[in-house]
N, C-alpha and C. Protein backbone atom coordinates (compact mmCIF):
# COMPACT_ATOMS: atom_id res chain seq x y z
N MET A 1 117.38 81.22 165.82
CA MET A 1 118.61 82.12 164.69
C MET A 1 118.00 82.72 163.71
N SER A 2 118.14 83.92 163.54
CA SER A 2 118.13 85.08 162.07
C SER A 2 118.02 84.26 160.60
N PHE A 3 117.05 85.09 160.21
CA PHE A 3 117.17 84.49 158.23
C PHE A 3 119.07 84.72 158.43
N LEU A 4 119.55 86.04 158.52
CA LEU A 4 120.36 86.46 157.52
C LEU A 4 121.41 85.18 158.77
N GLY A 5 121.71 85.10 159.51
CA GLY A 5 122.72 83.91 160.73
C GLY A 5 122.73 82.48 159.53
N GLU A 6 120.99 82.22 159.62
CA GLU A 6 121.10 80.95 158.86
C GLU A 6 121.57 81.25 157.30
N ASN A 7 121.48 81.92 156.52
CA ASN A 7 121.78 81.70 155.41
C ASN A 7 123.08 83.15 154.65
N LYS A 8 123.85 83.26 155.88
CA LYS A 8 125.28 84.60 155.74
C LYS A 8 125.91 84.38 154.65
N LYS A 9 126.16 82.69 154.42
CA LYS A 9 126.62 82.25 153.21
C LYS A 9 125.69 82.58 151.68
N TYR A 10 124.80 82.58 152.35
CA TYR A 10 123.98 82.56 150.67
C TYR A 10 123.57 83.79 150.28
N PHE A 11 124.00 84.79 151.62
CA PHE A 11 123.96 86.40 150.92
C PHE A 11 124.89 86.60 150.86
N PHE A 12 125.89 86.65 151.32
CA PHE A 12 127.31 87.03 150.93
C PHE A 12 127.40 86.59 149.33
N VAL A 13 126.99 84.96 148.74
CA VAL A 13 127.62 84.89 147.44
C VAL A 13 126.67 86.23 146.88
N LEU A 14 125.80 86.14 146.52
CA LEU A 14 124.24 87.06 146.33
C LEU A 14 124.71 88.19 146.19
N LYS A 15 125.32 89.02 147.13
CA LYS A 15 126.00 90.65 147.75
C LYS A 15 126.62 90.58 146.46
N SER A 16 127.72 89.67 146.62
CA SER A 16 129.08 89.30 146.10
C SER A 16 128.72 89.85 144.40
N ILE A 17 128.02 88.40 143.83
CA ILE A 17 127.15 88.85 142.70
C ILE A 17 126.66 89.90 142.20
N GLU A 18 126.11 90.37 143.00
CA GLU A 18 125.34 92.03 142.87
C GLU A 18 126.56 93.25 141.97
N LEU A 19 127.47 93.26 143.13
CA LEU A 19 128.49 93.72 142.70
C LEU A 19 129.27 93.82 141.89
N TYR A 20 129.79 92.61 141.38
CA TYR A 20 130.38 91.89 140.08
C TYR A 20 129.49 92.19 138.85
N ASN A 21 128.15 92.09 139.21
CA ASN A 21 127.43 92.17 137.99
C ASN A 21 127.31 94.04 138.03
N ARG A 22 127.34 94.88 138.66
CA ARG A 22 127.00 96.10 138.83
C ARG A 22 128.49 96.81 137.52
N PHE A 23 129.62 96.10 137.97
CA PHE A 23 130.97 96.65 137.52
C PHE A 23 131.07 96.37 136.07
N ARG A 24 130.51 95.05 135.68
CA ARG A 24 130.96 93.58 134.37
C ARG A 24 130.01 93.72 133.66
N ALA A 25 128.23 93.76 133.90
CA ALA A 25 127.92 93.74 133.10
C ALA A 25 127.80 94.69 131.86
N PRO A 26 127.17 94.59 130.75
CA PRO A 26 127.19 93.60 129.99
C PRO A 26 128.03 92.43 129.78
N GLU A 27 129.10 93.22 129.53
CA GLU A 27 130.23 92.03 129.22
C GLU A 27 130.38 90.77 129.74
N ALA A 28 129.88 90.45 130.79
CA ALA A 28 129.58 89.75 131.87
C ALA A 28 129.06 89.69 133.03
N GLU A 29 128.02 88.84 133.19
CA GLU A 29 126.99 88.61 134.14
C GLU A 29 126.80 87.15 134.50
N ALA A 30 126.97 87.48 136.10
CA ALA A 30 127.20 86.13 136.83
C ALA A 30 125.92 86.03 137.73
N ARG A 31 125.25 84.95 137.26
CA ARG A 31 124.38 83.62 138.11
C ARG A 31 124.04 82.84 139.06
N LEU A 32 123.85 83.17 140.65
CA LEU A 32 123.62 82.06 141.23
C LEU A 32 123.48 80.77 140.74
N VAL A 33 124.06 79.78 140.66
CA VAL A 33 123.10 78.20 140.31
C VAL A 33 122.83 77.60 141.01
N ASP A 34 123.73 77.22 142.02
CA ASP A 34 123.64 76.34 143.25
C ASP A 34 124.65 76.45 144.42
N VAL A 35 123.87 75.77 145.52
CA VAL A 35 125.09 76.02 147.21
C VAL A 35 125.11 74.96 147.30
N ARG A 36 125.83 73.83 147.35
CA ARG A 36 126.07 72.37 147.06
C ARG A 36 126.37 72.09 148.51
N GLU A 37 125.63 70.93 149.32
CA GLU A 37 125.92 70.63 150.44
C GLU A 37 127.47 70.74 150.88
N ASP A 38 128.68 70.28 150.32
CA ASP A 38 129.76 70.42 150.53
C ASP A 38 129.62 71.66 151.04
N GLY A 39 129.22 72.91 150.67
CA GLY A 39 129.57 74.19 150.90
C GLY A 39 130.08 74.93 149.41
N THR A 40 130.10 74.47 148.60
CA THR A 40 130.84 75.32 147.19
C THR A 40 129.59 75.95 146.62
N VAL A 41 129.52 76.58 145.96
CA VAL A 41 128.67 76.97 145.31
C VAL A 41 128.76 77.18 143.77
N VAL A 42 127.63 77.39 143.01
CA VAL A 42 127.71 76.67 141.23
C VAL A 42 127.21 78.41 140.90
N VAL A 43 128.34 79.10 140.03
CA VAL A 43 127.87 80.09 139.69
C VAL A 43 128.05 80.58 137.84
N GLU A 44 126.77 81.02 137.48
CA GLU A 44 127.55 80.57 135.68
C GLU A 44 127.45 82.13 135.36
N PHE A 45 128.29 82.25 134.18
CA PHE A 45 128.63 83.38 133.93
C PHE A 45 128.04 83.29 132.17
N GLN A 46 127.82 84.96 131.66
CA GLN A 46 126.94 84.33 130.55
C GLN A 46 127.35 85.98 129.98
N GLY A 47 128.40 86.00 128.85
CA GLY A 47 127.90 87.40 128.48
C GLY A 47 128.90 87.32 126.84
N SER A 48 129.79 88.45 126.71
CA SER A 48 130.52 88.55 125.39
C SER A 48 131.83 88.57 125.52
N PHE A 49 132.00 88.51 127.41
CA PHE A 49 134.20 88.11 127.50
C PHE A 49 134.22 86.81 127.07
N CYS A 50 132.98 85.83 126.87
CA CYS A 50 133.38 84.54 126.58
C CYS A 50 134.52 84.28 124.94
N HIS A 51 134.45 85.47 124.46
CA HIS A 51 135.41 85.68 123.00
C HIS A 51 136.65 86.86 123.24
N THR A 52 136.62 86.73 124.54
CA THR A 52 138.32 88.02 124.68
C THR A 52 138.93 86.45 125.16
N CYS A 53 140.15 86.59 125.46
CA CYS A 53 141.02 86.05 125.90
C CYS A 53 141.17 86.40 127.25
N GLY A 54 141.68 85.11 127.73
CA GLY A 54 141.56 85.67 129.56
C GLY A 54 140.33 85.51 130.22
N ILE A 55 139.91 84.57 129.28
CA ILE A 55 138.28 83.88 129.91
C ILE A 55 138.02 83.83 131.17
N ARG A 56 138.66 82.60 131.65
CA ARG A 56 138.71 82.74 133.28
C ARG A 56 139.54 83.68 133.96
N ASP A 57 139.59 84.26 133.73
CA ASP A 57 139.77 85.88 134.49
C ASP A 57 138.72 86.67 135.11
N TRP A 58 137.98 86.48 133.99
CA TRP A 58 136.48 86.39 134.32
C TRP A 58 135.86 86.17 135.41
N VAL A 59 135.80 84.96 135.47
CA VAL A 59 134.77 84.05 135.87
C VAL A 59 135.75 84.12 137.43
N GLU A 60 136.91 84.04 137.67
CA GLU A 60 137.96 84.13 138.83
C GLU A 60 137.76 85.75 139.40
N ASP A 61 137.47 86.41 139.06
CA ASP A 61 136.83 88.02 139.47
C ASP A 61 136.13 87.98 140.17
N LEU A 62 135.24 86.89 140.66
CA LEU A 62 134.09 86.47 141.29
C LEU A 62 135.06 86.65 142.51
N ALA A 63 135.61 85.88 143.11
CA ALA A 63 136.69 85.70 143.99
C ALA A 63 137.26 86.74 144.70
N TYR A 64 137.80 87.43 143.99
CA TYR A 64 138.24 89.04 144.37
C TYR A 64 137.73 90.00 144.93
N VAL A 65 136.28 89.72 144.26
CA VAL A 65 135.37 90.60 144.32
C VAL A 65 134.88 90.20 146.24
N MET A 66 134.68 89.13 146.42
CA MET A 66 134.36 88.63 147.33
C MET A 66 135.22 89.53 148.69
N LYS A 67 136.31 89.01 148.41
CA LYS A 67 137.74 89.42 149.34
C LYS A 67 137.58 90.58 149.41
N SER A 68 137.21 91.65 148.11
CA SER A 68 137.23 92.97 148.96
C SER A 68 136.16 93.17 149.78
N LEU A 69 135.01 92.31 149.44
CA LEU A 69 134.32 92.72 150.90
C LEU A 69 134.40 92.04 152.33
N GLY A 70 135.55 91.61 151.99
CA GLY A 70 135.93 90.86 153.64
C GLY A 70 135.77 89.17 153.94
N GLY A 71 135.46 88.81 152.69
CA GLY A 71 135.27 87.36 152.72
C GLY A 71 136.57 86.47 152.22
N ASP A 72 136.49 85.15 151.93
CA ASP A 72 137.27 84.42 150.88
C ASP A 72 136.44 83.47 150.51
N ALA A 73 137.45 83.64 149.35
CA ALA A 73 137.06 82.66 147.80
C ALA A 73 137.90 82.32 147.49
N GLU A 74 137.64 80.59 146.56
CA GLU A 74 138.48 80.47 145.54
C GLU A 74 138.11 79.80 144.66
N LEU A 75 138.31 79.80 143.87
CA LEU A 75 137.98 79.26 142.14
C LEU A 75 137.93 78.09 142.13
N LYS A 76 137.37 76.52 142.31
CA LYS A 76 137.94 75.25 142.39
C LYS A 76 137.86 74.58 141.26
N GLU A 77 136.93 74.79 140.65
CA GLU A 77 136.57 74.53 139.12
C GLU A 77 135.87 75.28 138.76
N TYR A 78 136.75 75.42 136.60
CA TYR A 78 136.11 76.07 135.69
C TYR A 78 135.37 75.14 134.25
N ILE A 79 134.14 75.86 134.42
CA ILE A 79 133.39 74.61 133.19
C ILE A 79 133.24 75.49 132.50
N GLU A 80 133.70 74.91 131.01
CA GLU A 80 133.16 75.41 129.27
C GLU A 80 132.15 74.41 128.97
N PRO A 81 130.77 75.13 129.04
CA PRO A 81 130.24 73.85 128.41
C PRO A 81 130.10 73.43 126.97
N GLU A 82 129.59 72.55 126.62
CA GLU A 82 129.78 72.38 124.80
C GLU A 82 128.77 72.13 124.39
N GLY A 83 129.06 72.64 122.94
CA GLY A 83 128.28 72.92 122.44
C GLY A 83 127.50 74.31 122.30
N GLU A 84 125.71 74.62 122.37
CA GLU A 84 125.35 76.22 122.32
C GLU A 84 125.79 77.09 123.26
N GLU A 85 126.65 76.70 124.11
CA GLU A 85 126.76 77.11 125.45
C GLU A 85 128.27 78.28 125.34
N ASP A 86 128.40 79.08 123.88
CA ASP A 86 129.52 79.80 123.61
C ASP A 86 129.68 80.48 124.23
N TYR A 87 128.54 81.42 125.17
CA TYR A 87 128.48 83.06 125.76
C TYR A 87 128.32 82.25 127.08
N LYS A 88 128.73 81.08 127.26
CA LYS A 88 128.66 80.69 128.60
C LYS A 88 129.77 79.98 129.62
N ARG A 89 129.98 79.79 130.87
CA ARG A 89 131.11 79.49 132.34
C ARG A 89 130.50 79.21 133.04
N VAL A 90 131.26 78.09 133.56
CA VAL A 90 130.11 78.47 135.32
C VAL A 90 131.90 78.30 136.02
N GLY A 91 131.45 78.58 137.16
CA GLY A 91 132.95 78.31 138.01
C GLY A 91 132.42 78.30 139.45
N VAL A 92 132.96 77.09 139.91
CA VAL A 92 132.56 76.05 141.73
C VAL A 92 133.83 76.56 142.50
N PHE A 93 133.05 77.65 143.40
CA PHE A 93 133.54 78.32 144.40
C PHE A 93 133.51 78.23 145.64
N ARG A 94 134.85 77.87 146.67
CA ARG A 94 135.03 77.62 147.54
C ARG A 94 134.87 78.49 148.90
N VAL A 95 133.96 79.12 149.29
CA VAL A 95 133.88 80.21 149.88
C VAL A 95 133.90 79.79 151.47
N SER A 96 135.16 80.06 151.96
CA SER A 96 136.42 79.67 153.23
C SER A 96 135.47 80.62 154.70
N LYS A 97 135.45 82.10 153.89
CA LYS A 97 135.40 83.17 155.23
C LYS A 97 134.16 83.76 154.60
N VAL A 98 133.21 84.43 155.68
CA VAL A 98 132.32 85.33 155.26
C VAL A 98 132.29 86.62 156.43
N PRO A 99 132.80 87.75 156.07
CA PRO A 99 132.62 88.51 156.90
C PRO A 99 131.45 89.07 158.04
N ASP A 100 132.27 88.95 158.63
CA ASP A 100 131.07 89.34 160.30
C ASP A 100 130.06 89.77 160.20
N ARG A 101 130.20 91.16 159.43
CA ARG A 101 129.11 91.94 159.94
C ARG A 101 129.35 92.67 158.26
N PHE A 102 127.96 93.32 158.15
CA PHE A 102 127.20 93.59 156.80
C PHE A 102 127.23 95.50 156.77
N ASP A 103 128.22 96.03 156.73
CA ASP A 103 127.76 97.60 156.57
C ASP A 103 127.32 97.75 155.37
N GLU A 104 127.05 99.57 155.17
CA GLU A 104 126.50 99.84 153.99
C GLU A 104 126.91 99.88 152.33
N GLU A 105 128.08 99.32 151.92
CA GLU A 105 128.37 98.42 151.07
C GLU A 105 127.40 97.36 150.44
N TRP A 106 126.64 96.60 151.46
CA TRP A 106 126.55 95.38 150.87
C TRP A 106 124.41 96.03 150.61
N SER A 107 124.08 97.36 150.74
CA SER A 107 123.10 97.03 151.14
C SER A 107 122.56 97.70 149.44
N THR A 108 121.72 97.40 149.15
CA THR A 108 121.18 97.11 147.89
C THR A 108 120.99 98.34 147.18
N LYS A 109 121.59 98.66 145.96
CA LYS A 109 121.53 100.49 145.32
C LYS A 109 120.56 100.38 144.16
């Protein structure tokens, strides 16, 4: 099996994060933290968005980016770290569908 085939979900999540950051940085920047054994992915979000209303929406937007690319994802857990983490939030997403094909939108620009 090819590298892409073995890592399709990982590649899809990375490309979704890249697109998310392209349109939302510097107010919000996402970074993949972990791909868990149960298939969920953990993404950290940093930026000044943490001091605005609708903070959870900034995190949940990553699921909508995945859907716009032909996948399907749901925010399963929203975490607000305590302490010095005022500019960070963490989202745990369940990615239930990855697109079958990768088109030019997926290419790194």
